[in-house]
Amino acid sequence: MASVNCLPSHNTLFYNGEWNSPFESTFSETYNPGNGEIVGRVAQAGARDVDAAVQAAHLAFESWRNTPPTKRADCLLTAADALLQHAEEFAMIDALNTGNPFTAMLNDAKIAAESLRYFAGLIPMLQGETIPQGIDTFHYVPLHSARASRSGSPDSGV
């Protein structure tokens, strides 16, 4: 197996805020396509693992749904910072695993971080109206559509 210090210390499944071994204890090797060497072993999720992860996501949503938009933006910015802090490690892992050039993978990590920053910046810009559709559901109408609807413009269908 390749000895590379950028490989993660965990090779199990991450959900519910912690590392979990797959229920079926199934792992597979991933290979460097450039030389055929084993890069590492990775967990293979089965149906029970997916069910557990989905259940954890549903439980997490109960608190996330009440998270203020500014806090959500902060979470995206924190993730962007972490991506940039570890960009070279991510790029090396990706290059080893896919055979793509390190510099291209480094650029991908930077683009991913900038995308997170972009969407964090959009959060305070969201404007519009919501229309109740039932218990715990609503329909979001972008501001420009809401204005057109009230004005009776030809584009509004009124």
N, C-alpha and C. Protein backbone atom coordinates (compact mmCIF):
# COMPACT_ATOMS: atom_id res chain seq x y z
N MET A 1 0.84 -1.17 0.00
CA MET A 1 0.00 0.00 0.00
C MET A 1 0.89 1.24 0.00
N ALA A 2 0.45 2.25 -0.74
CA ALA A 2 1.22 3.48 -0.84
C ALA A 2 1.34 4.16 0.51
N SER A 3 2.53 4.65 0.80
CA SER A 3 2.74 5.35 2.06
C SER A 3 2.74 6.85 1.77
N VAL A 4 1.61 7.47 2.00
CA VAL A 4 1.46 8.90 1.73
C VAL A 4 0.87 9.53 2.98
N ASN A 5 1.48 10.59 3.48
CA ASN A 5 1.02 11.17 4.74
C ASN A 5 -0.22 12.05 4.61
N CYS A 6 -0.77 12.20 3.40
CA CYS A 6 -1.98 13.01 3.24
C CYS A 6 -3.25 12.16 3.38
N LEU A 7 -3.10 10.85 3.46
CA LEU A 7 -4.28 10.00 3.55
C LEU A 7 -4.96 10.17 4.90
N PRO A 8 -6.29 10.17 4.90
CA PRO A 8 -7.01 10.35 6.17
C PRO A 8 -6.74 9.22 7.14
N SER A 9 -6.86 9.52 8.42
CA SER A 9 -6.64 8.49 9.43
C SER A 9 -7.84 7.57 9.57
N HIS A 10 -8.99 7.98 9.07
CA HIS A 10 -10.20 7.16 9.12
C HIS A 10 -10.55 6.67 7.72
N ASN A 11 -11.04 5.46 7.64
CA ASN A 11 -11.50 4.96 6.35
C ASN A 11 -12.89 4.34 6.48
N THR A 12 -13.61 4.78 7.53
CA THR A 12 -14.96 4.29 7.76
C THR A 12 -15.96 5.33 7.25
N LEU A 13 -17.21 5.20 7.64
CA LEU A 13 -18.27 6.07 7.16
C LEU A 13 -18.55 7.18 8.17
N PHE A 14 -18.73 8.39 7.69
CA PHE A 14 -19.00 9.51 8.59
C PHE A 14 -20.45 9.94 8.46
N TYR A 15 -21.19 9.80 9.55
CA TYR A 15 -22.55 10.33 9.66
C TYR A 15 -22.89 10.44 11.13
N ASN A 16 -23.91 11.23 11.41
CA ASN A 16 -24.34 11.47 12.80
C ASN A 16 -23.20 12.08 13.64
N GLY A 17 -22.32 12.84 12.99
CA GLY A 17 -21.25 13.51 13.71
C GLY A 17 -20.11 12.63 14.17
N GLU A 18 -20.04 11.40 13.66
CA GLU A 18 -18.96 10.50 14.09
C GLU A 18 -18.64 9.47 13.01
N TRP A 19 -17.51 8.83 13.19
CA TRP A 19 -17.07 7.78 12.28
C TRP A 19 -17.75 6.47 12.67
N ASN A 20 -18.27 5.76 11.68
CA ASN A 20 -18.99 4.51 11.91
C ASN A 20 -18.45 3.41 11.00
N SER A 21 -18.20 2.25 11.57
CA SER A 21 -17.81 1.10 10.76
C SER A 21 -19.02 0.62 9.99
N PRO A 22 -18.83 0.17 8.76
CA PRO A 22 -19.98 -0.33 8.00
C PRO A 22 -20.58 -1.57 8.69
N PHE A 23 -21.91 -1.69 8.66
CA PHE A 23 -22.58 -2.80 9.31
C PHE A 23 -22.09 -4.15 8.77
N GLU A 24 -21.83 -4.20 7.49
CA GLU A 24 -21.38 -5.47 6.89
C GLU A 24 -19.87 -5.62 6.93
N SER A 25 -19.17 -4.67 7.52
CA SER A 25 -17.70 -4.69 7.61
C SER A 25 -17.05 -4.87 6.24
N THR A 26 -17.62 -4.22 5.24
CA THR A 26 -17.10 -4.33 3.88
C THR A 26 -16.20 -3.15 3.56
N PHE A 27 -15.01 -3.47 3.10
CA PHE A 27 -14.05 -2.46 2.66
C PHE A 27 -13.53 -2.88 1.29
N SER A 28 -13.08 -1.91 0.53
CA SER A 28 -12.45 -2.23 -0.75
C SER A 28 -11.22 -1.36 -0.91
N GLU A 29 -10.34 -1.80 -1.78
CA GLU A 29 -9.13 -1.04 -2.04
C GLU A 29 -9.38 -0.06 -3.18
N THR A 30 -8.71 1.06 -3.08
CA THR A 30 -8.73 2.02 -4.17
C THR A 30 -7.30 2.09 -4.72
N TYR A 31 -7.20 2.17 -6.04
CA TYR A 31 -5.91 2.06 -6.70
C TYR A 31 -5.51 3.35 -7.40
N ASN A 32 -4.21 3.59 -7.43
CA ASN A 32 -3.65 4.68 -8.21
C ASN A 32 -3.63 4.21 -9.67
N PRO A 33 -4.38 4.87 -10.56
CA PRO A 33 -4.41 4.40 -11.94
C PRO A 33 -3.09 4.59 -12.68
N GLY A 34 -2.22 5.44 -12.14
CA GLY A 34 -0.93 5.69 -12.79
C GLY A 34 0.06 4.55 -12.62
N ASN A 35 0.00 3.86 -11.47
CA ASN A 35 0.97 2.79 -11.25
C ASN A 35 0.35 1.50 -10.71
N GLY A 36 -0.97 1.52 -10.49
CA GLY A 36 -1.65 0.31 -10.03
C GLY A 36 -1.48 0.01 -8.55
N GLU A 37 -0.75 0.84 -7.82
CA GLU A 37 -0.55 0.60 -6.39
C GLU A 37 -1.83 0.89 -5.62
N ILE A 38 -2.00 0.18 -4.52
CA ILE A 38 -3.13 0.43 -3.64
C ILE A 38 -2.90 1.75 -2.91
N VAL A 39 -3.86 2.65 -3.01
CA VAL A 39 -3.78 3.93 -2.31
C VAL A 39 -4.27 3.76 -0.88
N GLY A 40 -5.34 3.01 -0.72
CA GLY A 40 -5.90 2.81 0.61
C GLY A 40 -7.14 1.93 0.55
N ARG A 41 -7.69 1.69 1.73
CA ARG A 41 -8.93 0.92 1.84
C ARG A 41 -10.04 1.87 2.26
N VAL A 42 -11.20 1.70 1.65
CA VAL A 42 -12.34 2.55 1.97
C VAL A 42 -13.55 1.70 2.30
N ALA A 43 -14.36 2.20 3.22
CA ALA A 43 -15.58 1.50 3.63
C ALA A 43 -16.60 1.52 2.50
N GLN A 44 -17.34 0.44 2.39
CA GLN A 44 -18.43 0.34 1.42
C GLN A 44 -19.74 0.34 2.19
N ALA A 45 -20.58 1.33 1.96
CA ALA A 45 -21.86 1.43 2.66
C ALA A 45 -22.87 0.47 2.04
N GLY A 46 -23.55 -0.25 2.91
CA GLY A 46 -24.64 -1.11 2.47
C GLY A 46 -25.97 -0.45 2.81
N ALA A 47 -27.06 -1.16 2.58
CA ALA A 47 -28.40 -0.63 2.80
C ALA A 47 -28.60 -0.18 4.26
N ARG A 48 -28.13 -0.96 5.21
CA ARG A 48 -28.29 -0.59 6.63
C ARG A 48 -27.51 0.68 6.96
N ASP A 49 -26.34 0.83 6.35
CA ASP A 49 -25.55 2.04 6.57
C ASP A 49 -26.27 3.27 6.01
N VAL A 50 -26.83 3.11 4.82
CA VAL A 50 -27.56 4.21 4.19
C VAL A 50 -28.78 4.58 5.05
N ASP A 51 -29.50 3.58 5.51
CA ASP A 51 -30.66 3.84 6.38
C ASP A 51 -30.25 4.60 7.65
N ALA A 52 -29.14 4.19 8.26
CA ALA A 52 -28.66 4.86 9.48
C ALA A 52 -28.26 6.31 9.18
N ALA A 53 -27.60 6.54 8.05
CA ALA A 53 -27.19 7.89 7.68
C ALA A 53 -28.41 8.76 7.37
N VAL A 54 -29.39 8.22 6.69
CA VAL A 54 -30.61 8.98 6.38
C VAL A 54 -31.36 9.32 7.67
N GLN A 55 -31.45 8.37 8.58
CA GLN A 55 -32.11 8.62 9.86
C GLN A 55 -31.38 9.73 10.62
N ALA A 56 -30.06 9.67 10.63
CA ALA A 56 -29.28 10.71 11.31
C ALA A 56 -29.51 12.07 10.65
N ALA A 57 -29.61 12.09 9.32
CA ALA A 57 -29.85 13.35 8.61
C ALA A 57 -31.22 13.92 8.97
N HIS A 58 -32.22 13.06 9.05
CA HIS A 58 -33.55 13.52 9.44
C HIS A 58 -33.55 14.12 10.84
N LEU A 59 -32.84 13.47 11.76
CA LEU A 59 -32.75 13.99 13.13
C LEU A 59 -32.00 15.32 13.16
N ALA A 60 -30.93 15.42 12.39
CA ALA A 60 -30.14 16.66 12.35
C ALA A 60 -30.95 17.80 11.75
N PHE A 61 -31.83 17.49 10.81
CA PHE A 61 -32.62 18.52 10.17
C PHE A 61 -33.52 19.24 11.17
N GLU A 62 -33.96 18.53 12.19
CA GLU A 62 -34.85 19.14 13.18
C GLU A 62 -34.19 20.35 13.85
N SER A 63 -32.89 20.30 14.11
CA SER A 63 -32.23 21.47 14.68
C SER A 63 -31.74 22.42 13.59
N TRP A 64 -31.30 21.88 12.44
CA TRP A 64 -30.79 22.71 11.36
C TRP A 64 -31.88 23.63 10.82
N ARG A 65 -33.11 23.14 10.75
CA ARG A 65 -34.19 23.95 10.19
C ARG A 65 -34.43 25.22 11.00
N ASN A 66 -34.04 25.21 12.27
CA ASN A 66 -34.20 26.39 13.13
C ASN A 66 -32.94 27.23 13.22
N THR A 67 -31.92 26.86 12.46
CA THR A 67 -30.67 27.60 12.48
C THR A 67 -30.85 28.90 11.69
N PRO A 68 -30.54 30.03 12.30
CA PRO A 68 -30.69 31.31 11.59
C PRO A 68 -29.82 31.35 10.33
N PRO A 69 -30.29 32.05 9.31
CA PRO A 69 -29.53 32.14 8.05
C PRO A 69 -28.10 32.62 8.24
N THR A 70 -27.87 33.57 9.13
CA THR A 70 -26.49 34.06 9.32
C THR A 70 -25.59 32.97 9.87
N LYS A 71 -26.12 32.12 10.73
CA LYS A 71 -25.34 31.00 11.27
C LYS A 71 -25.06 29.99 10.16
N ARG A 72 -26.03 29.77 9.27
CA ARG A 72 -25.81 28.87 8.14
C ARG A 72 -24.69 29.40 7.25
N ALA A 73 -24.71 30.71 7.03
CA ALA A 73 -23.63 31.32 6.23
C ALA A 73 -22.29 31.12 6.91
N ASP A 74 -22.26 31.29 8.23
CA ASP A 74 -21.01 31.06 8.98
C ASP A 74 -20.52 29.63 8.81
N CYS A 75 -21.43 28.68 8.80
CA CYS A 75 -21.05 27.26 8.61
C CYS A 75 -20.41 27.06 7.23
N LEU A 76 -20.99 27.68 6.21
CA LEU A 76 -20.41 27.58 4.87
C LEU A 76 -19.02 28.21 4.81
N LEU A 77 -18.86 29.34 5.47
CA LEU A 77 -17.55 30.01 5.49
C LEU A 77 -16.52 29.18 6.24
N THR A 78 -16.94 28.54 7.32
CA THR A 78 -16.03 27.66 8.08
C THR A 78 -15.60 26.48 7.21
N ALA A 79 -16.55 25.92 6.47
CA ALA A 79 -16.21 24.81 5.56
C ALA A 79 -15.26 25.27 4.47
N ALA A 80 -15.48 26.47 3.94
CA ALA A 80 -14.57 27.01 2.91
C ALA A 80 -13.16 27.18 3.46
N ASP A 81 -13.06 27.70 4.68
CA ASP A 81 -11.74 27.86 5.32
C ASP A 81 -11.04 26.51 5.48
N ALA A 82 -11.80 25.49 5.91
CA ALA A 82 -11.22 24.16 6.09
C ALA A 82 -10.76 23.58 4.76
N LEU A 83 -11.55 23.79 3.72
CA LEU A 83 -11.14 23.32 2.38
C LEU A 83 -9.82 23.95 1.96
N LEU A 84 -9.72 25.25 2.14
CA LEU A 84 -8.48 25.94 1.75
C LEU A 84 -7.30 25.52 2.62
N GLN A 85 -7.55 25.35 3.90
CA GLN A 85 -6.48 24.95 4.82
C GLN A 85 -5.91 23.58 4.43
N HIS A 86 -6.76 22.70 3.92
CA HIS A 86 -6.34 21.34 3.57
C HIS A 86 -6.34 21.09 2.07
N ALA A 87 -6.33 22.16 1.28
CA ALA A 87 -6.45 22.03 -0.17
C ALA A 87 -5.36 21.14 -0.76
N GLU A 88 -4.13 21.27 -0.30
CA GLU A 88 -3.05 20.46 -0.86
C GLU A 88 -3.23 18.98 -0.54
N GLU A 89 -3.71 18.69 0.67
CA GLU A 89 -3.97 17.29 1.04
C GLU A 89 -5.08 16.70 0.17
N PHE A 90 -6.18 17.46 0.04
CA PHE A 90 -7.29 16.98 -0.79
C PHE A 90 -6.84 16.77 -2.23
N ALA A 91 -6.04 17.72 -2.73
CA ALA A 91 -5.55 17.62 -4.10
C ALA A 91 -4.67 16.39 -4.30
N MET A 92 -3.80 16.11 -3.33
CA MET A 92 -2.92 14.94 -3.43
C MET A 92 -3.73 13.65 -3.39
N ILE A 93 -4.69 13.57 -2.48
CA ILE A 93 -5.54 12.37 -2.40
C ILE A 93 -6.28 12.17 -3.71
N ASP A 94 -6.85 13.24 -4.23
CA ASP A 94 -7.60 13.15 -5.48
C ASP A 94 -6.68 12.76 -6.64
N ALA A 95 -5.49 13.34 -6.68
CA ALA A 95 -4.54 13.01 -7.75
C ALA A 95 -4.12 11.55 -7.67
N LEU A 96 -3.85 11.06 -6.47
CA LEU A 96 -3.46 9.65 -6.30
C LEU A 96 -4.59 8.71 -6.70
N ASN A 97 -5.80 9.09 -6.37
CA ASN A 97 -6.96 8.22 -6.58
C ASN A 97 -7.47 8.24 -8.02
N THR A 98 -7.27 9.36 -8.73
CA THR A 98 -7.85 9.49 -10.07
C THR A 98 -6.82 9.56 -11.18
N GLY A 99 -5.58 9.89 -10.82
CA GLY A 99 -4.56 10.04 -11.85
C GLY A 99 -4.54 11.42 -12.47
N ASN A 100 -5.39 12.32 -11.98
CA ASN A 100 -5.40 13.68 -12.51
C ASN A 100 -4.20 14.46 -11.95
N PRO A 101 -3.77 15.49 -12.67
CA PRO A 101 -2.63 16.28 -12.19
C PRO A 101 -2.93 16.97 -10.86
N PHE A 102 -1.95 16.99 -10.00
CA PHE A 102 -2.07 17.63 -8.68
C PHE A 102 -2.54 19.07 -8.82
N THR A 103 -1.95 19.83 -9.75
CA THR A 103 -2.30 21.25 -9.88
C THR A 103 -3.77 21.43 -10.26
N ALA A 104 -4.30 20.54 -11.09
CA ALA A 104 -5.71 20.62 -11.46
C ALA A 104 -6.60 20.32 -10.25
N MET A 105 -6.20 19.35 -9.45
CA MET A 105 -6.98 19.00 -8.26
C MET A 105 -6.90 20.09 -7.20
N LEU A 106 -5.75 20.76 -7.12
CA LEU A 106 -5.60 21.88 -6.20
C LEU A 106 -6.53 23.01 -6.62
N ASN A 107 -6.61 23.26 -7.90
CA ASN A 107 -7.53 24.28 -8.40
C ASN A 107 -8.98 23.90 -8.08
N ASP A 108 -9.34 22.62 -8.22
CA ASP A 108 -10.69 22.17 -7.88
C ASP A 108 -11.03 22.45 -6.42
N ALA A 109 -10.09 22.20 -5.53
CA ALA A 109 -10.32 22.47 -4.10
C ALA A 109 -10.54 23.95 -3.87
N LYS A 110 -9.77 24.79 -4.55
CA LYS A 110 -9.94 26.23 -4.40
C LYS A 110 -11.27 26.71 -4.97
N ILE A 111 -11.68 26.13 -6.09
CA ILE A 111 -12.98 26.48 -6.68
C ILE A 111 -14.11 26.06 -5.75
N ALA A 112 -13.98 24.89 -5.14
CA ALA A 112 -15.01 24.42 -4.20
C ALA A 112 -15.13 25.39 -3.02
N ALA A 113 -14.00 25.84 -2.50
CA ALA A 113 -14.02 26.80 -1.37
C ALA A 113 -14.66 28.11 -1.80
N GLU A 114 -14.31 28.58 -2.97
CA GLU A 114 -14.90 29.84 -3.45
C GLU A 114 -16.39 29.69 -3.71
N SER A 115 -16.83 28.52 -4.14
CA SER A 115 -18.27 28.28 -4.34
C SER A 115 -19.00 28.36 -3.00
N LEU A 116 -18.42 27.79 -1.95
CA LEU A 116 -19.03 27.88 -0.64
C LEU A 116 -19.11 29.33 -0.17
N ARG A 117 -18.05 30.10 -0.41
CA ARG A 117 -18.06 31.51 -0.04
C ARG A 117 -19.14 32.28 -0.82
N TYR A 118 -19.28 31.96 -2.08
CA TYR A 118 -20.28 32.61 -2.92
C TYR A 118 -21.68 32.36 -2.35
N PHE A 119 -22.00 31.10 -2.06
CA PHE A 119 -23.34 30.79 -1.56
C PHE A 119 -23.56 31.35 -0.15
N ALA A 120 -22.52 31.41 0.65
CA ALA A 120 -22.65 32.05 1.97
C ALA A 120 -23.00 33.52 1.79
N GLY A 121 -22.41 34.15 0.79
CA GLY A 121 -22.70 35.56 0.52
C GLY A 121 -24.10 35.80 -0.01
N LEU A 122 -24.68 34.80 -0.63
CA LEU A 122 -26.05 34.95 -1.16
C LEU A 122 -27.11 34.89 -0.06
N ILE A 123 -26.79 34.23 1.03
CA ILE A 123 -27.80 34.01 2.07
C ILE A 123 -28.47 35.31 2.52
N PRO A 124 -27.73 36.36 2.86
CA PRO A 124 -28.42 37.58 3.30
C PRO A 124 -29.12 38.31 2.15
N MET A 125 -28.87 37.91 0.93
CA MET A 125 -29.46 38.58 -0.23
C MET A 125 -30.82 37.99 -0.62
N LEU A 126 -31.18 36.82 -0.09
CA LEU A 126 -32.43 36.18 -0.46
C LEU A 126 -33.61 37.04 -0.03
N GLN A 127 -34.49 37.30 -0.97
CA GLN A 127 -35.67 38.09 -0.70
C GLN A 127 -36.84 37.47 -1.45
N GLY A 128 -38.02 37.68 -0.95
CA GLY A 128 -39.20 37.18 -1.61
C GLY A 128 -40.32 37.02 -0.62
N GLU A 129 -41.30 36.26 -1.01
CA GLU A 129 -42.45 36.00 -0.16
C GLU A 129 -42.67 34.51 -0.07
N THR A 130 -43.31 34.09 1.00
CA THR A 130 -43.69 32.69 1.12
C THR A 130 -45.20 32.59 1.23
N ILE A 131 -45.73 31.54 0.66
CA ILE A 131 -47.17 31.29 0.69
C ILE A 131 -47.37 29.98 1.44
N PRO A 132 -48.10 30.00 2.57
CA PRO A 132 -48.34 28.75 3.30
C PRO A 132 -49.04 27.71 2.40
N GLN A 133 -48.55 26.49 2.47
CA GLN A 133 -49.11 25.41 1.67
C GLN A 133 -49.66 24.28 2.53
N GLY A 134 -49.55 24.41 3.82
CA GLY A 134 -49.99 23.37 4.75
C GLY A 134 -49.12 23.41 5.98
N ILE A 135 -49.26 22.38 6.80
CA ILE A 135 -48.47 22.31 8.02
C ILE A 135 -47.00 22.13 7.67
N ASP A 136 -46.16 23.03 8.17
CA ASP A 136 -44.70 22.97 7.99
C ASP A 136 -44.24 23.05 6.53
N THR A 137 -45.06 23.53 5.64
CA THR A 137 -44.62 23.68 4.24
C THR A 137 -45.04 25.04 3.72
N PHE A 138 -44.26 25.55 2.79
CA PHE A 138 -44.59 26.82 2.17
C PHE A 138 -44.02 26.84 0.77
N HIS A 139 -44.51 27.74 -0.03
CA HIS A 139 -44.00 27.94 -1.39
C HIS A 139 -43.27 29.26 -1.40
N TYR A 140 -42.04 29.25 -1.87
CA TYR A 140 -41.22 30.46 -1.93
C TYR A 140 -41.43 31.12 -3.29
N VAL A 141 -41.71 32.41 -3.27
CA VAL A 141 -41.88 33.18 -4.50
C VAL A 141 -40.79 34.24 -4.52
N PRO A 142 -39.88 34.19 -5.51
CA PRO A 142 -38.82 35.20 -5.58
C PRO A 142 -39.44 36.61 -5.65
N LEU A 143 -38.71 37.57 -5.14
CA LEU A 143 -39.21 38.94 -5.03
C LEU A 143 -39.70 39.47 -6.37
N HIS A 144 -38.94 39.24 -7.45
CA HIS A 144 -39.36 39.79 -8.75
C HIS A 144 -40.69 39.19 -9.20
N SER A 145 -40.96 37.92 -8.90
CA SER A 145 -42.23 37.30 -9.25
C SER A 145 -43.35 37.84 -8.40
N ALA A 146 -43.08 38.07 -7.12
CA ALA A 146 -44.10 38.59 -6.23
C ALA A 146 -44.51 40.00 -6.66
N ARG A 147 -43.54 40.83 -7.05
CA ARG A 147 -43.85 42.19 -7.51
C ARG A 147 -44.66 42.15 -8.80
N ALA A 148 -44.26 41.29 -9.73
CA ALA A 148 -44.97 41.19 -11.01
C ALA A 148 -46.39 40.74 -10.78
N SER A 149 -46.60 39.82 -9.86
CA SER A 149 -47.93 39.30 -9.56
C SER A 149 -48.84 40.40 -9.03
N ARG A 150 -48.31 41.25 -8.14
CA ARG A 150 -49.11 42.31 -7.56
C ARG A 150 -49.40 43.42 -8.57
N SER A 151 -48.47 43.60 -9.54
CA SER A 151 -48.65 44.71 -10.47
C SER A 151 -49.58 44.36 -11.61
N GLY A 152 -49.88 43.06 -11.77
CA GLY A 152 -50.76 42.66 -12.85
C GLY A 152 -50.08 42.74 -14.21
N SER A 153 -48.77 42.62 -14.25
CA SER A 153 -48.04 42.69 -15.52
C SER A 153 -48.37 41.49 -16.39
N PRO A 154 -48.17 41.61 -17.71
CA PRO A 154 -48.48 40.49 -18.61
C PRO A 154 -47.70 39.22 -18.27
N ASP A 155 -46.50 39.39 -17.69
CA ASP A 155 -45.70 38.22 -17.36
C ASP A 155 -46.22 37.48 -16.14
N SER A 156 -47.09 38.10 -15.37
CA SER A 156 -47.51 37.50 -14.11
C SER A 156 -48.65 36.50 -14.26
N GLY A 157 -49.29 36.47 -15.42
CA GLY A 157 -50.40 35.54 -15.61
C GLY A 157 -51.69 36.04 -15.01
N VAL A 158 -51.74 37.33 -14.58
CA VAL A 158 -52.94 37.89 -13.97
C VAL A 158 -53.79 38.52 -15.04
